[in-house]
Amino acid sequence: MAVASHPWLAVYLCGAVVVTVVALAFAAWSRKDDAAAARLAGAPALLAGALWPVVAVGFVQWLLIHLLTKALEPPRLHRAALIHYGSRQVATAHSRVDAA
């Protein structure tokens, strides 16, 4: 069973190596002061490397949820920017205009 005859296996193994190296580098970067804790990051990095398709799908799902949330939330008005004229609200140049 050669890797060349199974291109999906080559893609999976390359992805596993890349994710493992990135996870180890991130662990070393984020725990500069604690060398013992950085050494313990090997097992989670190997697990992330082995399960990188699950990690990738989870990241894509998180990104889609974030973008959908941003697209659906209404624009925010800054109350400090509103000037009240009777029953109408006239906004300054930096905010939306709402007329009653």
Protein backbone atom coordinates (compact mmCIF):
# COMPACT_ATOMS: atom_id res chain seq x y z
CA MET A 1 0.00 0.00 0.00
CA ALA A 2 1.91 3.00 -1.26
CA VAL A 3 0.98 6.56 -0.45
CA ALA A 4 1.07 7.42 -4.16
CA SER A 5 -1.78 5.01 -4.88
CA HIS A 6 -3.92 6.66 -2.19
CA PRO A 7 -3.75 10.45 -2.61
CA TRP A 8 -6.25 10.99 0.22
CA LEU A 9 -3.78 9.32 2.57
CA ALA A 10 -1.03 11.71 1.50
CA VAL A 11 -3.33 14.70 2.04
CA TYR A 12 -4.37 13.39 5.46
CA LEU A 13 -0.77 12.76 6.57
CA CYS A 14 0.45 16.14 5.32
CA GLY A 15 -2.43 17.84 7.11
CA ALA A 16 -1.65 15.90 10.28
CA VAL A 17 1.99 16.97 10.22
CA VAL A 18 1.13 20.62 9.55
CA VAL A 19 -1.50 20.79 12.29
CA THR A 20 0.79 19.05 14.80
CA VAL A 21 3.67 21.43 14.08
CA VAL A 22 1.40 24.48 14.27
CA ALA A 23 -0.11 23.27 17.55
CA LEU A 24 3.35 22.68 19.04
CA ALA A 25 4.56 26.09 17.86
CA PHE A 26 1.49 27.79 19.31
CA ALA A 27 1.94 25.97 22.62
CA ALA A 28 5.58 27.03 22.80
CA TRP A 29 4.69 30.63 21.89
CA SER A 30 1.80 30.94 24.32
CA ARG A 31 3.69 29.39 27.25
CA LYS A 32 7.07 31.07 26.93
CA ASP A 33 7.48 31.43 30.68
CA ASP A 34 6.47 27.89 31.65
CA ALA A 35 8.79 25.39 29.93
CA ALA A 36 7.33 22.38 31.78
CA ALA A 37 3.81 23.18 30.57
CA ALA A 38 5.09 23.68 27.02
CA ARG A 39 6.58 20.17 27.08
CA LEU A 40 3.20 18.75 28.08
CA ALA A 41 1.64 20.21 24.93
CA GLY A 42 2.91 17.31 22.81
CA ALA A 43 0.00 14.95 23.46
CA PRO A 44 -2.76 17.50 22.65
CA ALA A 45 -0.79 18.57 19.56
CA LEU A 46 -0.57 14.96 18.35
CA LEU A 47 -4.28 14.50 19.01
CA ALA A 48 -5.10 17.66 17.06
CA GLY A 49 -2.86 16.43 14.25
CA ALA A 50 -4.59 13.06 14.14
CA LEU A 51 -8.05 14.66 14.21
CA TRP A 52 -7.27 17.64 11.98
CA PRO A 53 -10.27 17.10 9.67
CA VAL A 54 -12.56 17.41 12.70
CA VAL A 55 -10.66 20.51 13.84
CA ALA A 56 -10.92 22.02 10.34
CA VAL A 57 -14.67 21.36 10.09
CA GLY A 58 -15.19 22.82 13.57
CA PHE A 59 -13.24 25.94 12.63
CA VAL A 60 -15.25 26.38 9.41
CA GLN A 61 -18.51 25.96 11.36
CA TRP A 62 -17.39 28.54 13.92
CA LEU A 63 -16.46 30.95 11.12
CA LEU A 64 -19.83 30.51 9.39
CA ILE A 65 -21.72 31.07 12.64
CA HIS A 66 -19.66 34.19 13.34
CA LEU A 67 -20.29 35.61 9.86
CA LEU A 68 -23.99 34.77 10.02
CA THR A 69 -24.30 36.45 13.41
CA LYS A 70 -22.58 39.57 12.10
CA ALA A 71 -24.83 39.64 9.02
CA LEU A 72 -28.06 39.22 11.01
CA GLU A 73 -27.47 41.61 13.88
CA PRO A 74 -29.09 45.01 13.43
CA PRO A 75 -26.87 48.05 13.08
CA ARG A 76 -26.16 49.65 16.42
CA LEU A 77 -27.06 53.22 17.15
CA HIS A 78 -24.87 55.27 19.41
CA ARG A 79 -27.21 57.15 21.72
CA ALA A 80 -24.63 59.85 22.25
CA ALA A 81 -24.72 60.65 18.54
CA LEU A 82 -28.49 61.28 18.47
CA ILE A 83 -29.97 64.74 18.62
CA HIS A 84 -33.64 64.86 19.64
CA TYR A 85 -35.96 67.32 17.89
CA GLY A 86 -39.43 66.77 19.31
CA SER A 87 -40.74 63.38 18.21
CA ARG A 88 -38.06 62.88 15.54
CA GLN A 89 -34.58 61.64 16.10
CA VAL A 90 -31.97 63.08 13.77
CA ALA A 91 -28.63 61.35 13.78
CA THR A 92 -25.23 62.80 13.18
CA ALA A 93 -23.12 61.81 10.17
CA HIS A 94 -21.71 58.72 11.90
CA SER A 95 -24.98 56.95 12.73
CA ARG A 96 -28.23 55.89 11.08
CA VAL A 97 -31.23 58.23 10.78
CA ASP A 98 -34.47 57.05 12.41
CA ALA A 99 -37.58 59.16 11.88
CA ALA A 100 -40.64 58.48 14.01
